[in-house]
PDB file of N, CA and C in Angstrom:
ATOM      1  N   UNK A   1       0.822  -1.196   0.000  1.00  0.00           N
ATOM      2  CA  UNK A   1       0.000   0.000   0.000  1.00  0.00           C
ATOM      3  C   UNK A   1       0.866   1.260   0.000  1.00  0.00           C
ATOM      4  N   UNK A   2       1.901   1.250   0.828  1.00  0.00           N
ATOM      5  CA  UNK A   2       2.794   2.412   0.881  1.00  0.00           C
ATOM      6  C   UNK A   2       3.482   2.631  -0.459  1.00  0.00           C
ATOM      7  N   UNK A   3       3.917   1.528  -1.074  1.00  0.00           N
ATOM      8  CA  UNK A   3       4.615   1.613  -2.357  1.00  0.00           C
ATOM      9  C   UNK A   3       3.687   2.194  -3.429  1.00  0.00           C
ATOM     10  N   UNK A   4       2.477   1.694  -3.489  1.00  0.00           N
ATOM     11  CA  UNK A   4       1.544   2.199  -4.500  1.00  0.00           C
ATOM     12  C   UNK A   4       1.188   3.660  -4.232  1.00  0.00           C
ATOM     13  N   UNK A   5       1.098   4.030  -2.959  1.00  0.00           N
ATOM     14  CA  UNK A   5       0.823   5.422  -2.603  1.00  0.00           C
ATOM     15  C   UNK A   5       1.972   6.327  -3.057  1.00  0.00           C
ATOM     16  N   UNK A   6       3.204   5.884  -2.846  1.00  0.00           N
ATOM     17  CA  UNK A   6       4.374   6.670  -3.278  1.00  0.00           C
ATOM     18  C   UNK A   6       4.403   6.815  -4.796  1.00  0.00           C
ATOM     19  N   UNK A   7       4.039   5.735  -5.499  1.00  0.00           N
ATOM     20  CA  UNK A   7       3.993   5.812  -6.963  1.00  0.00           C
ATOM     21  C   UNK A   7       2.950   6.826  -7.416  1.00  0.00           C
ATOM     22  N   UNK A   8       1.805   6.831  -6.752  1.00  0.00           N
ATOM     23  CA  UNK A   8       0.765   7.796  -7.096  1.00  0.00           C
ATOM     24  C   UNK A   8       1.263   9.223  -6.868  1.00  0.00           C
ATOM     25  N   UNK A   9       1.973   9.435  -5.761  1.00  0.00           N
ATOM     26  CA  UNK A   9       2.504  10.763  -5.475  1.00  0.00           C
ATOM     27  C   UNK A   9       3.563  11.164  -6.495  1.00  0.00           C
ATOM     28  N   UNK A  10       4.407  10.210  -6.873  1.00  0.00           N
ATOM     29  CA  UNK A  10       5.504  10.499  -7.800  1.00  0.00           C
ATOM     30  C   UNK A  10       4.979  10.867  -9.189  1.00  0.00           C
ATOM     31  N   UNK A  11       3.971  10.134  -9.655  1.00  0.00           N
ATOM     32  CA  UNK A  11       3.473  10.337 -11.011  1.00  0.00           C
ATOM     33  C   UNK A  11       2.118  11.032 -11.047  1.00  0.00           C
ATOM     34  N   UNK A  12       1.827  11.841 -10.032  1.00  0.00           N
ATOM     35  CA  UNK A  12       0.495  12.431  -9.934  1.00  0.00           C
ATOM     36  C   UNK A  12       0.170  13.392 -11.070  1.00  0.00           C
ATOM     37  N   UNK A  13       1.178  13.921 -11.755  1.00  0.00           N
ATOM     38  CA  UNK A  13       0.911  14.872 -12.831  1.00  0.00           C
ATOM     39  C   UNK A  13       0.837  14.216 -14.196  1.00  0.00           C
ATOM     40  N   UNK A  14       1.055  12.924 -14.260  1.00  0.00           N
ATOM     41  CA  UNK A  14       0.919  12.203 -15.524  1.00  0.00           C
ATOM     42  C   UNK A  14      -0.575  12.110 -15.853  1.00  0.00           C
ATOM     43  N   UNK A  15      -0.971  12.408 -17.102  1.00  0.00           N
ATOM     44  CA  UNK A  15      -2.406  12.470 -17.424  1.00  0.00           C
ATOM     45  C   UNK A  15      -3.192  11.201 -17.101  1.00  0.00           C
ATOM     46  N   UNK A  16      -2.626  10.042 -17.396  1.00  0.00           N
ATOM     47  CA  UNK A  16      -3.366   8.800 -17.159  1.00  0.00           C
ATOM     48  C   UNK A  16      -3.510   8.521 -15.662  1.00  0.00           C
ATOM     49  N   UNK A  17      -2.449   8.771 -14.908  1.00  0.00           N
ATOM     50  CA  UNK A  17      -2.509   8.569 -13.455  1.00  0.00           C
ATOM     51  C   UNK A  17      -3.503   9.552 -12.840  1.00  0.00           C
ATOM     52  N   UNK A  18      -3.484  10.787 -13.302  1.00  0.00           N
ATOM     53  CA  UNK A  18      -4.417  11.786 -12.779  1.00  0.00           C
ATOM     54  C   UNK A  18      -5.853  11.361 -13.058  1.00  0.00           C
ATOM     55  N   UNK A  19      -6.111  10.848 -14.255  1.00  0.00           N
ATOM     56  CA  UNK A  19      -7.449  10.411 -14.634  1.00  0.00           C
ATOM     57  C   UNK A  19      -7.932   9.293 -13.713  1.00  0.00           C
ATOM     58  N   UNK A  20      -7.063   8.336 -13.439  1.00  0.00           N
ATOM     59  CA  UNK A  20      -7.418   7.219 -12.560  1.00  0.00           C
ATOM     60  C   UNK A  20      -7.648   7.721 -11.129  1.00  0.00           C
ATOM     61  N   UNK A  21      -6.783   8.632 -10.683  1.00  0.00           N
ATOM     62  CA  UNK A  21      -6.871   9.114  -9.304  1.00  0.00           C
ATOM     63  C   UNK A  21      -8.120   9.947  -9.064  1.00  0.00           C
ATOM     64  N   UNK A  22      -8.624  10.617 -10.102  1.00  0.00           N
ATOM     65  CA  UNK A  22      -9.794  11.474  -9.921  1.00  0.00           C
ATOM     66  C   UNK A  22     -11.101  10.689  -9.906  1.00  0.00           C
ATOM     67  N   UNK A  23     -11.050   9.433 -10.286  1.00  0.00           N
ATOM     68  CA  UNK A  23     -12.265   8.627 -10.259  1.00  0.00           C
ATOM     69  C   UNK A  23     -12.680   8.384  -8.812  1.00  0.00           C
ATOM     70  N   UNK A  24     -13.947   8.511  -8.555  1.00  0.00           N
ATOM     71  CA  UNK A  24     -14.452   8.268  -7.211  1.00  0.00           C
ATOM     72  C   UNK A  24     -15.218   6.954  -7.246  1.00  0.00           C
ATOM     73  N   UNK A  25     -14.657   5.933  -6.646  1.00  0.00           N
ATOM     74  CA  UNK A  25     -15.277   4.623  -6.682  1.00  0.00           C
ATOM     75  C   UNK A  25     -16.300   4.500  -5.563  1.00  0.00           C
ATOM     76  N   UNK A  26     -17.511   4.112  -5.947  1.00  0.00           N
ATOM     77  CA  UNK A  26     -18.578   3.904  -4.979  1.00  0.00           C
ATOM     78  C   UNK A  26     -18.814   2.412  -4.815  1.00  0.00           C
ATOM     79  N   UNK A  27     -19.275   1.997  -3.659  1.00  0.00           N
ATOM     80  CA  UNK A  27     -19.708   0.612  -3.521  1.00  0.00           C
ATOM     81  C   UNK A  27     -20.856   0.337  -4.486  1.00  0.00           C
ATOM     82  N   UNK A  28     -20.913  -0.875  -4.973  1.00  0.00           N
ATOM     83  CA  UNK A  28     -21.896  -1.228  -6.001  1.00  0.00           C
ATOM     84  C   UNK A  28     -23.323  -1.008  -5.518  1.00  0.00           C
ATOM     85  N   UNK A  29     -23.590  -1.311  -4.254  1.00  0.00           N
ATOM     86  CA  UNK A  29     -24.949  -1.153  -3.735  1.00  0.00           C
ATOM     87  C   UNK A  29     -25.382   0.312  -3.784  1.00  0.00           C
ATOM     88  N   UNK A  30     -24.477   1.218  -3.399  1.00  0.00           N
ATOM     89  CA  UNK A  30     -24.800   2.648  -3.420  1.00  0.00           C
ATOM     90  C   UNK A  30     -24.989   3.119  -4.857  1.00  0.00           C
ATOM     91  N   UNK A  31     -24.119   2.670  -5.757  1.00  0.00           N
ATOM     92  CA  UNK A  31     -24.206   3.047  -7.161  1.00  0.00           C
ATOM     93  C   UNK A  31     -25.547   2.617  -7.747  1.00  0.00           C
ATOM     94  N   UNK A  32     -25.972   1.400  -7.435  1.00  0.00           N
ATOM     95  CA  UNK A  32     -27.245   0.885  -7.956  1.00  0.00           C
ATOM     96  C   UNK A  32     -28.428   1.633  -7.358  1.00  0.00           C
ATOM     97  N   UNK A  33     -28.342   1.995  -6.083  1.00  0.00           N
ATOM     98  CA  UNK A  33     -29.422   2.755  -5.457  1.00  0.00           C
ATOM     99  C   UNK A  33     -29.569   4.126  -6.101  1.00  0.00           C
ATOM    100  N   UNK A  34     -28.440   4.780  -6.387  1.00  0.00           N
ATOM    101  CA  UNK A  34     -28.479   6.089  -7.035  1.00  0.00           C
ATOM    102  C   UNK A  34     -29.112   5.968  -8.417  1.00  0.00           C
ATOM    103  N   UNK A  35     -28.737   4.918  -9.131  1.00  0.00           N
ATOM    104  CA  UNK A  35     -29.278   4.678 -10.471  1.00  0.00           C
ATOM    105  C   UNK A  35     -30.792   4.460 -10.415  1.00  0.00           C
ATOM    106  N   UNK A  36     -31.234   3.676  -9.439  1.00  0.00           N
ATOM    107  CA  UNK A  36     -32.661   3.395  -9.287  1.00  0.00           C
ATOM    108  C   UNK A  36     -33.435   4.662  -8.929  1.00  0.00           C
ATOM    109  N   UNK A  37     -32.880   5.475  -8.026  1.00  0.00           N
ATOM    110  CA  UNK A  37     -33.526   6.731  -7.647  1.00  0.00           C
ATOM    111  C   UNK A  37     -33.664   7.654  -8.855  1.00  0.00           C
ATOM    112  N   UNK A  38     -32.623   7.703  -9.685  1.00  0.00           N
ATOM    113  CA  UNK A  38     -32.671   8.542 -10.877  1.00  0.00           C
ATOM    114  C   UNK A  38     -33.770   8.068 -11.831  1.00  0.00           C
ATOM    115  N   UNK A  39     -33.874   6.743 -12.008  1.00  0.00           N
ATOM    116  CA  UNK A  39     -34.920   6.192 -12.870  1.00  0.00           C
ATOM    117  C   UNK A  39     -36.308   6.556 -12.348  1.00  0.00           C
ATOM    118  N   UNK A  40     -36.498   6.436 -11.032  1.00  0.00           N
ATOM    119  CA  UNK A  40     -37.793   6.740 -10.436  1.00  0.00           C
ATOM    120  C   UNK A  40     -38.127   8.229 -10.596  1.00  0.00           C
ATOM    121  N   UNK A  41     -37.135   9.089 -10.411  1.00  0.00           N
ATOM    122  CA  UNK A  41     -37.348  10.524 -10.555  1.00  0.00           C
ATOM    123  C   UNK A  41     -37.735  10.876 -11.996  1.00  0.00           C
ATOM    124  N   UNK A  42     -37.034  10.251 -12.964  1.00  0.00           N
ATOM    125  CA  UNK A  42     -37.359  10.500 -14.368  1.00  0.00           C
ATOM    126  C   UNK A  42     -38.763  10.014 -14.707  1.00  0.00           C
ATOM    127  N   UNK A  43     -39.157   8.873 -14.146  1.00  0.00           N
ATOM    128  CA  UNK A  43     -40.499   8.333 -14.407  1.00  0.00           C
ATOM    129  C   UNK A  43     -41.559   9.274 -13.847  1.00  0.00           C
ATOM    130  N   UNK A  44     -41.327   9.781 -12.632  1.00  0.00           N
ATOM    131  CA  UNK A  44     -42.281  10.722 -12.031  1.00  0.00           C
ATOM    132  C   UNK A  44     -42.404  11.980 -12.886  1.00  0.00           C
ATOM    133  N   UNK A  45     -41.266  12.464 -13.363  1.00  0.00           N
ATOM    134  CA  UNK A  45     -41.259  13.673 -14.190  1.00  0.00           C
ATOM    135  C   UNK A  45     -41.999  13.433 -15.500  1.00  0.00           C
ATOM    136  N   UNK A  46     -41.743  12.290 -16.129  1.00  0.00           N
ATOM    137  CA  UNK A  46     -42.386  11.949 -17.393  1.00  0.00           C
ATOM    138  C   UNK A  46     -43.907  11.829 -17.215  1.00  0.00           C
ATOM    139  N   UNK A  47     -44.310  11.194 -16.111  1.00  0.00           N
ATOM    140  CA  UNK A  47     -45.738  11.024 -15.839  1.00  0.00           C
ATOM    141  C   UNK A  47     -46.407  12.381 -15.618  1.00  0.00           C
ATOM    142  N   UNK A  48     -45.720  13.251 -14.891  1.00  0.00           N
ATOM    143  CA  UNK A  48     -46.256  14.593 -14.641  1.00  0.00           C
ATOM    144  C   UNK A  48     -46.418  15.358 -15.960  1.00  0.00           C
ATOM    145  N   UNK A  49     -45.428  15.259 -16.832  1.00  0.00           N
ATOM    146  CA  UNK A  49     -45.513  15.933 -18.132  1.00  0.00           C
ATOM    147  C   UNK A  49     -46.671  15.376 -18.962  1.00  0.00           C
ATOM    148  N   UNK A  50     -46.838  14.066 -18.951  1.00  0.00           N
ATOM    149  CA  UNK A  50     -47.944  13.454 -19.699  1.00  0.00           C
ATOM    150  C   UNK A  50     -49.296  13.876 -19.122  1.00  0.00           C
ATOM    151  N   UNK A  51     -49.368  13.914 -17.785  1.00  0.00           N
ATOM    152  CA  UNK A  51     -50.615  14.328 -17.140  1.00  0.00           C
ATOM    153  C   UNK A  51     -50.944  15.767 -17.526  1.00  0.00           C
ATOM    154  N   UNK A  52     -49.930  16.630 -17.532  1.00  0.00           N
ATOM    155  CA  UNK A  52     -50.122  18.031 -17.889  1.00  0.00           C
ATOM    156  C   UNK A  52     -50.519  18.167 -19.367  1.00  0.00           C
ATOM    157  N   UNK A  53     -49.903  17.332 -20.210  1.00  0.00           N
ATOM    158  CA  UNK A  53     -50.145  17.401 -21.649  1.00  0.00           C
ATOM    159  C   UNK A  53     -51.572  16.987 -22.016  1.00  0.00           C
ATOM    160  N   UNK A  54     -52.120  15.992 -21.294  1.00  0.00           N
ATOM    161  CA  UNK A  54     -53.414  15.435 -21.656  1.00  0.00           C
ATOM    162  C   UNK A  54     -54.564  15.917 -20.773  1.00  0.00           C
ATOM    163  N   UNK A  55     -54.346  16.998 -20.050  1.00  0.00           N
ATOM    164  CA  UNK A  55     -55.428  17.530 -19.235  1.00  0.00           C
ATOM    165  C   UNK A  55     -55.744  18.944 -19.699  1.00  0.00           C
ATOM    166  N   UNK A  56     -56.787  19.477 -19.145  1.00  0.00           N
ATOM    167  CA  UNK A  56     -57.236  20.814 -19.503  1.00  0.00           C
ATOM    168  C   UNK A  56     -56.148  21.836 -19.137  1.00  0.00           C
ATOM    169  N   UNK A  57     -55.869  22.791 -20.008  1.00  0.00           N
ATOM    170  CA  UNK A  57     -54.818  23.775 -19.709  1.00  0.00           C
ATOM    171  C   UNK A  57     -55.078  24.509 -18.395  1.00  0.00           C
ATOM    172  N   UNK A  58     -54.086  24.509 -17.527  1.00  0.00           N
ATOM    173  CA  UNK A  58     -54.198  25.202 -16.251  1.00  0.00           C
ATOM    174  C   UNK A  58     -54.744  24.368 -15.119  1.00  0.00           C
ATOM    175  N   UNK A  59     -55.267  23.177 -15.407  1.00  0.00           N
ATOM    176  CA  UNK A  59     -55.841  22.364 -14.329  1.00  0.00           C
ATOM    177  C   UNK A  59     -54.759  21.679 -13.491  1.00  0.00           C
ATOM    178  N   UNK A  60     -53.615  21.348 -14.103  1.00  0.00           N
ATOM    179  CA  UNK A  60     -52.499  20.758 -13.365  1.00  0.00           C
ATOM    180  C   UNK A  60     -51.422  21.836 -13.247  1.00  0.00           C
ATOM    181  N   UNK A  61     -51.219  22.378 -12.038  1.00  0.00           N
ATOM    182  CA  UNK A  61     -50.251  23.473 -11.886  1.00  0.00           C
ATOM    183  C   UNK A  61     -48.808  23.000 -12.061  1.00  0.00           C
ATOM    184  N   UNK A  62     -47.969  23.914 -12.545  1.00  0.00           N
ATOM    185  CA  UNK A  62     -46.553  23.617 -12.698  1.00  0.00           C
ATOM    186  C   UNK A  62     -45.864  23.972 -11.389  1.00  0.00           C
ATOM    187  N   UNK A  63     -45.335  22.970 -10.701  1.00  0.00           N
ATOM    188  CA  UNK A  63     -44.634  23.180  -9.438  1.00  0.00           C
ATOM    189  C   UNK A  63     -43.186  22.774  -9.645  1.00  0.00           C
ATOM    190  N   UNK A  64     -42.249  23.674  -9.326  1.00  0.00           N
ATOM    191  CA  UNK A  64     -40.844  23.367  -9.528  1.00  0.00           C
ATOM    192  C   UNK A  64     -40.401  22.247  -8.584  1.00  0.00           C
ATOM    193  N   UNK A  65     -39.349  21.573  -8.957  1.00  0.00           N
ATOM    194  CA  UNK A  65     -38.848  20.432  -8.178  1.00  0.00           C
ATOM    195  C   UNK A  65     -38.424  20.873  -6.780  1.00  0.00           C
ATOM    196  N   UNK A  66     -37.889  22.078  -6.666  1.00  0.00           N
ATOM    197  CA  UNK A  66     -37.476  22.593  -5.360  1.00  0.00           C
ATOM    198  C   UNK A  66     -38.678  22.804  -4.443  1.00  0.00           C
ATOM    199  N   UNK A  67     -39.749  23.330  -4.993  1.00  0.00           N
ATOM    200  CA  UNK A  67     -40.931  23.639  -4.192  1.00  0.00           C
ATOM    201  C   UNK A  67     -41.663  22.382  -3.735  1.00  0.00           C
ATOM    202  N   UNK A  68     -41.511  21.277  -4.469  1.00  0.00           N
ATOM    203  CA  UNK A  68     -42.208  20.040  -4.106  1.00  0.00           C
ATOM    204  C   UNK A  68     -41.760  19.515  -2.747  1.00  0.00           C
ATOM    205  N   UNK A  69     -40.519  19.758  -2.394  1.00  0.00           N
ATOM    206  CA  UNK A  69     -39.951  19.190  -1.175  1.00  0.00           C
ATOM    207  C   UNK A  69     -40.147  20.074   0.051  1.00  0.00           C
ATOM    208  N   UNK A  70     -40.684  21.266  -0.142  1.00  0.00           N
ATOM    209  CA  UNK A  70     -40.915  22.169   0.998  1.00  0.00           C
ATOM    210  C   UNK A  70     -42.209  21.752   1.694  1.00  0.00           C
ATOM    211  N   UNK A  71     -42.105  21.464   2.976  1.00  0.00           N
ATOM    212  CA  UNK A  71     -43.270  20.996   3.747  1.00  0.00           C
ATOM    213  C   UNK A  71     -44.069  22.189   4.253  1.00  0.00           C
ATOM    214  N   UNK A  72     -43.400  23.157   4.894  1.00  0.00           N
ATOM    215  CA  UNK A  72     -44.086  24.318   5.445  1.00  0.00           C
ATOM    216  C   UNK A  72     -43.140  25.506   5.455  1.00  0.00           C
ATOM    217  N   UNK A  73     -43.716  26.683   5.417  1.00  0.00           N
ATOM    218  CA  UNK A  73     -42.933  27.904   5.466  1.00  0.00           C
ATOM    219  C   UNK A  73     -43.118  28.523   6.839  1.00  0.00           C
ATOM    220  N   UNK A  74     -42.008  28.754   7.531  1.00  0.00           N
ATOM    221  CA  UNK A  74     -42.052  29.350   8.877  1.00  0.00           C
ATOM    222  C   UNK A  74     -41.893  30.848   8.745  1.00  0.00           C
ATOM    223  N   UNK A  75     -42.805  31.595   9.398  1.00  0.00           N
ATOM    224  CA  UNK A  75     -42.741  33.059   9.327  1.00  0.00           C
ATOM    225  C   UNK A  75     -42.130  33.639  10.566  1.00  0.00           C
TER     226      UNK A  75
END
């Protein structure tokens, strides 16, 4: 481990070593969960767009993604 660490330090400015070092490796379970969450979010967005497209204009309000997660506003 020490040897490989020293090699990384020695050649840190080499383009290929830099490319490898900048990669952030995630555990497979976390990577798959992120992928699944993204798919679910896209499906929700697509369904919302379809609902808006096939309903009476103005009946389905456009709510931004940020506003959807706000529970209450404290004054």
